[in-house]
């Protein structure tokens, strides 16, 4: 699979940032036993990864704009193109020494995501897609699952954590989805949840209150793997609202009905 020049830059950059994070992650695993914990160390790792990504992407494409978790938004000389970056999606997992987190890089052109890369350094799995050319993981072409029976399906979602007000809503959704399916997982990285839908590991995913950098790359990868992607609230915009619902085609309607109630 030979991608465009932009995609190759994105893949190289994600791997470079991922290597640095993996080194830091081994340190975090050693820090688990200390009382102080690893919070400050992880914040620094996150910032370093973002700086690495920014340096690589800016060197290759100096005119493109920028939107990222730590650094916020910056207008580029070329107003039609911008990078959307999450240097470390799954920070809580990383902080607790759990090997399930990722680097996510998307390229947006005229408001549309045209390329996306999600790299999971712990498992050395690189998920990527370009608009109109299909989705891949390393050398393998990705397809969403072919399951057609709710009882055989496993879905992913996010659960509200400390201080968030959407717990009642989430519990109602789980109350509708859980009785009919084979399971719901909460693995703590929206980028990898989307990548796993594209790879057919999950049959669908929904979540609210995410950010554009959590979703941009994964959304495209799911679509290019044959999945359906919609905003949770009909008529919304996934990247602006930060709420998403996606699944393989046969299960999309049934999941949407349960989640939307």
Protein backbone atom coordinates (compact mmCIF):
# COMPACT_ATOMS: atom_id res chain seq x y z
CA UNK A 1 0.00 0.00 0.00
CA UNK A 2 1.67 3.23 -1.18
CA UNK A 3 0.03 6.34 0.27
CA UNK A 4 0.34 9.97 -0.75
CA UNK A 5 3.27 12.10 0.37
CA UNK A 6 1.10 13.59 3.12
CA UNK A 7 0.07 10.18 4.44
CA UNK A 8 3.70 9.02 4.48
CA UNK A 9 4.71 12.08 6.51
CA UNK A 10 1.85 11.37 8.95
CA UNK A 11 2.82 7.71 9.37
CA UNK A 12 6.50 8.49 9.89
CA UNK A 13 5.61 11.20 12.43
CA UNK A 14 3.19 8.96 14.38
CA UNK A 15 5.83 6.23 14.64
CA UNK A 16 8.49 8.70 15.81
CA UNK A 17 6.23 10.18 18.51
CA UNK A 18 5.11 6.65 19.44
CA UNK A 19 8.69 5.48 19.98
CA UNK A 20 9.32 8.34 22.39
CA UNK A 21 6.09 7.65 24.27
CA UNK A 22 6.87 3.94 24.52
CA UNK A 23 10.18 4.75 26.21
CA UNK A 24 8.34 7.03 28.66
CA UNK A 25 5.67 4.38 29.21
CA UNK A 26 8.28 1.90 30.45
CA UNK A 27 9.31 4.51 33.02
CA UNK A 28 5.66 4.99 34.06
CA UNK A 29 5.29 1.26 34.67
CA UNK A 30 8.24 1.50 37.10
CA UNK A 31 6.65 4.50 38.84
CA UNK A 32 3.40 2.66 39.67
CA UNK A 33 4.67 1.62 43.07
CA UNK A 34 5.67 5.13 44.19
CA UNK A 35 3.31 7.20 46.36
CA UNK A 36 3.90 10.35 44.34
CA UNK A 37 2.59 8.65 41.22
CA UNK A 38 3.44 9.49 37.63
CA UNK A 39 1.11 12.41 36.86
CA UNK A 40 3.71 15.15 36.19
CA UNK A 41 5.90 12.75 34.27
CA UNK A 42 2.99 11.78 31.98
CA UNK A 43 2.04 15.43 31.36
CA UNK A 44 5.62 16.03 30.20
CA UNK A 45 5.55 12.91 28.00
CA UNK A 46 2.32 14.16 26.39
CA UNK A 47 3.80 17.62 25.70
CA UNK A 48 7.04 16.16 24.33
CA UNK A 49 5.06 13.94 21.94
CA UNK A 50 3.06 16.93 20.74
CA UNK A 51 6.26 18.95 20.18
CA UNK A 52 7.78 16.06 18.21
CA UNK A 53 4.67 15.80 16.02
CA UNK A 54 4.46 19.56 15.50
CA UNK A 55 8.13 19.79 14.54
CA UNK A 56 7.88 16.91 12.02
CA UNK A 57 4.62 18.08 10.43
CA UNK A 58 5.64 21.75 10.35
CA UNK A 59 9.00 20.90 8.77
CA UNK A 60 7.23 18.93 6.04
CA UNK A 61 4.22 21.26 5.53
CA UNK A 62 4.98 24.71 6.99
CA UNK A 63 1.83 26.35 5.58
CA UNK A 64 -0.79 24.03 7.14
CA UNK A 65 -2.86 25.03 10.18
CA UNK A 66 -2.86 23.15 13.47
CA UNK A 67 -5.37 21.93 16.05
CA UNK A 68 -4.18 19.83 19.00
CA UNK A 69 -5.05 18.96 22.56
CA UNK A 70 -2.20 20.76 24.33
CA UNK A 71 -1.36 23.56 21.90
CA UNK A 72 -4.86 24.63 20.79
CA UNK A 73 -5.64 26.00 17.31
CA UNK A 74 -3.34 27.92 14.97
CA UNK A 75 -4.24 29.31 11.57
CA UNK A 76 -1.83 28.39 8.78
CA UNK A 77 -0.84 30.35 5.67
CA UNK A 78 -2.93 27.80 3.79
CA UNK A 79 -6.39 28.29 5.36
CA UNK A 80 -7.81 25.21 3.61
CA UNK A 81 -5.61 22.61 5.32
CA UNK A 82 -4.91 21.79 8.95
CA UNK A 83 -3.50 19.00 11.06
CA UNK A 84 -5.74 17.67 13.87
CA UNK A 85 -3.56 15.93 16.46
CA UNK A 86 -3.94 13.99 19.68
CA UNK A 87 -0.39 13.16 20.79
CA UNK A 88 -1.58 10.73 23.49
CA UNK A 89 -5.14 9.41 23.41
CA UNK A 90 -5.72 7.24 26.46
CA UNK A 91 -3.73 9.30 28.99
CA UNK A 92 -5.36 7.63 32.00
CA UNK A 93 -4.37 4.18 30.68
CA UNK A 94 -0.83 5.46 30.08
CA UNK A 95 -0.68 6.91 33.59
CA UNK A 96 -1.76 3.60 35.13
CA UNK A 97 0.67 1.49 33.14
CA UNK A 98 -2.00 -0.05 30.88
CA UNK A 99 -0.70 -0.67 27.33
CA UNK A 100 -3.73 0.72 25.46
CA UNK A 101 -3.18 4.26 24.16
CA UNK A 102 -2.39 5.83 20.82
CA UNK A 103 -1.09 8.72 18.74
CA UNK A 104 -3.75 10.17 16.42
CA UNK A 105 -3.05 12.46 13.44
CA UNK A 106 -5.61 13.65 10.87
CA UNK A 107 -5.39 15.99 7.90
CA UNK A 108 -8.38 18.17 7.15
CA UNK A 109 -8.88 19.88 3.77
CA UNK A 110 -11.71 22.40 3.29
CA UNK A 111 -13.53 21.08 6.35
CA UNK A 112 -13.27 17.40 5.33
CA UNK A 113 -10.90 14.86 6.88
CA UNK A 114 -8.89 13.46 3.95
CA UNK A 115 -6.27 11.34 5.76
CA UNK A 116 -5.98 9.74 9.18
CA UNK A 117 -3.37 7.76 11.13
CA UNK A 118 -3.75 6.07 14.54
CA UNK A 119 -0.66 4.40 15.96
CA UNK A 120 -0.70 2.03 18.94
CA UNK A 121 3.01 1.72 19.89
CA UNK A 122 2.49 -0.96 22.57
CA UNK A 123 1.17 -3.41 19.96
CA UNK A 124 2.96 -1.83 16.97
CA UNK A 125 -0.36 -1.47 15.11
CA UNK A 126 -0.60 1.41 12.66
CA UNK A 127 -4.14 2.10 11.39
CA UNK A 128 -4.44 4.50 8.46
CA UNK A 129 -6.70 5.67 5.66
CA UNK A 130 -6.96 8.22 2.91
CA UNK A 131 -10.27 9.38 1.51
CA UNK A 132 -11.36 7.08 -1.29
CA UNK A 133 -8.53 4.55 -1.00
CA UNK A 134 -9.64 2.20 1.81
CA UNK A 135 -8.34 1.61 5.33
CA UNK A 136 -5.36 -0.47 6.47
CA UNK A 137 -3.63 -1.77 9.58
CA UNK A 138 0.10 -2.25 8.90
CA UNK A 139 -0.05 -4.31 5.67
CA UNK A 140 -3.61 -5.57 6.05
CA UNK A 141 -6.70 -4.09 4.41
CA UNK A 142 -9.41 -3.35 6.99
CA UNK A 143 -13.10 -4.19 6.79
CA UNK A 144 -15.74 -3.61 9.44
CA UNK A 145 -17.27 -6.78 10.89
CA UNK A 146 -19.91 -8.75 9.01
CA UNK A 147 -22.03 -9.57 12.08
CA UNK A 148 -25.75 -9.21 11.61
CA UNK A 149 -27.17 -10.40 14.95
CA UNK A 150 -27.24 -8.08 17.93
CA UNK A 151 -26.65 -10.97 20.34
CA UNK A 152 -23.26 -11.68 18.73
CA UNK A 153 -22.10 -8.05 18.72
CA UNK A 154 -19.61 -6.33 21.01
CA UNK A 155 -19.78 -2.54 21.22
CA UNK A 156 -17.51 0.10 22.72
CA UNK A 157 -18.35 3.32 24.50
CA UNK A 158 -16.95 5.80 27.00
CA UNK A 159 -18.10 6.15 30.60
CA UNK A 160 -18.27 9.49 32.41
CA UNK A 161 -15.52 9.97 35.00
CA UNK A 162 -15.18 12.23 38.04
CA UNK A 163 -17.12 15.47 37.88
CA UNK A 164 -19.04 14.86 34.66
CA UNK A 165 -22.80 15.34 34.53
CA UNK A 166 -23.74 12.84 31.81
CA UNK A 167 -23.75 9.71 34.00
CA UNK A 168 -27.57 9.28 34.14
CA UNK A 169 -27.83 9.55 30.35
CA UNK A 170 -25.02 7.02 29.87
CA UNK A 171 -26.57 4.54 32.31
CA UNK A 172 -29.89 4.73 30.43
CA UNK A 173 -28.08 3.99 27.15
CA UNK A 174 -26.23 1.04 28.68
CA UNK A 175 -29.50 -0.20 30.14
CA UNK A 176 -30.93 -0.36 26.63
CA UNK A 177 -27.85 -1.75 24.82
CA UNK A 178 -26.44 -4.34 27.28
CA UNK A 179 -29.42 -6.74 27.45
CA UNK A 180 -29.39 -7.32 23.69
CA UNK A 181 -25.71 -7.75 22.84
CA UNK A 182 -22.64 -9.88 23.61
CA UNK A 183 -20.97 -7.09 25.59
CA UNK A 184 -19.95 -3.45 25.89
CA UNK A 185 -16.33 -2.47 26.45
CA UNK A 186 -14.81 0.71 27.89
CA UNK A 187 -11.09 0.60 27.08
CA UNK A 188 -10.28 4.27 27.52
CA UNK A 189 -9.09 5.42 24.09
CA UNK A 190 -11.67 6.73 21.62
CA UNK A 191 -9.12 6.70 18.79
CA UNK A 192 -8.49 2.97 19.29
CA UNK A 193 -12.21 2.29 19.75
CA UNK A 194 -12.74 3.69 16.25
CA UNK A 195 -9.74 1.81 14.85
CA UNK A 196 -11.15 -1.41 16.35
CA UNK A 197 -14.55 -0.82 14.69
CA UNK A 198 -12.70 -0.41 11.37
CA UNK A 199 -10.80 -3.66 12.03
CA UNK A 200 -14.01 -5.60 12.82
CA UNK A 201 -12.96 -6.18 16.45
CA UNK A 202 -15.86 -4.08 17.72
CA UNK A 203 -19.16 -4.01 15.85
CA UNK A 204 -19.94 -0.43 16.81
CA UNK A 205 -19.03 2.50 19.06
CA UNK A 206 -20.77 5.52 20.51
CA UNK A 207 -19.66 8.31 22.79
CA UNK A 208 -20.47 11.90 23.75
CA UNK A 209 -18.38 14.91 24.74
CA UNK A 210 -15.25 14.04 22.81
CA UNK A 211 -12.93 16.51 21.05
CA UNK A 212 -12.16 16.84 17.36
CA UNK A 213 -8.64 15.43 17.92
CA UNK A 214 -10.10 12.26 19.53
CA UNK A 215 -12.29 11.60 16.51
CA UNK A 216 -10.91 13.03 13.27
CA UNK A 217 -8.53 10.24 12.19
CA UNK A 218 -10.71 7.37 13.45
CA UNK A 219 -13.86 8.64 11.77
CA UNK A 220 -12.23 8.48 8.35
CA UNK A 221 -10.66 5.07 9.03
CA UNK A 222 -14.09 3.62 9.95
CA UNK A 223 -15.72 5.09 6.83
CA UNK A 224 -12.94 3.80 4.57
CA UNK A 225 -13.34 0.33 6.15
CA UNK A 226 -17.01 0.32 5.12
CA UNK A 227 -18.59 1.49 8.38
CA UNK A 228 -21.34 4.08 8.87
CA UNK A 229 -20.60 7.16 10.97
CA UNK A 230 -23.15 9.70 12.20
CA UNK A 231 -23.40 12.34 14.90
CA UNK A 232 -25.30 11.03 17.94
CA UNK A 233 -27.87 13.80 17.64
CA UNK A 234 -29.34 13.78 14.15
CA UNK A 235 -28.42 16.84 12.15
CA UNK A 236 -25.32 17.49 14.28
CA UNK A 237 -21.68 17.61 13.25
CA UNK A 238 -19.37 14.92 14.67
CA UNK A 239 -16.22 17.04 14.90
CA UNK A 240 -17.97 20.16 16.20
CA UNK A 241 -20.33 18.42 18.66
CA UNK A 242 -17.89 15.71 19.73
CA UNK A 243 -20.57 13.02 19.75
CA UNK A 244 -20.41 9.99 17.49
CA UNK A 245 -22.20 6.79 16.61
CA UNK A 246 -20.68 4.26 14.22
CA UNK A 247 -21.15 0.61 13.32
CA UNK A 248 -21.09 -1.86 10.47
CA UNK A 249 -23.97 -1.34 8.06
CA UNK A 250 -26.20 -4.27 9.15
CA UNK A 251 -26.07 -3.27 12.85
CA UNK A 252 -26.08 0.50 12.57
CA UNK A 253 -29.85 0.97 12.64
CA UNK A 254 -30.37 -1.34 15.61
CA UNK A 255 -27.57 0.25 17.66
CA UNK A 256 -28.74 3.77 16.77
CA UNK A 257 -32.27 2.96 17.90
CA UNK A 258 -31.07 1.65 21.27
CA UNK A 259 -28.56 4.42 21.94
CA UNK A 260 -30.85 7.25 20.82
CA UNK A 261 -33.74 5.67 22.73
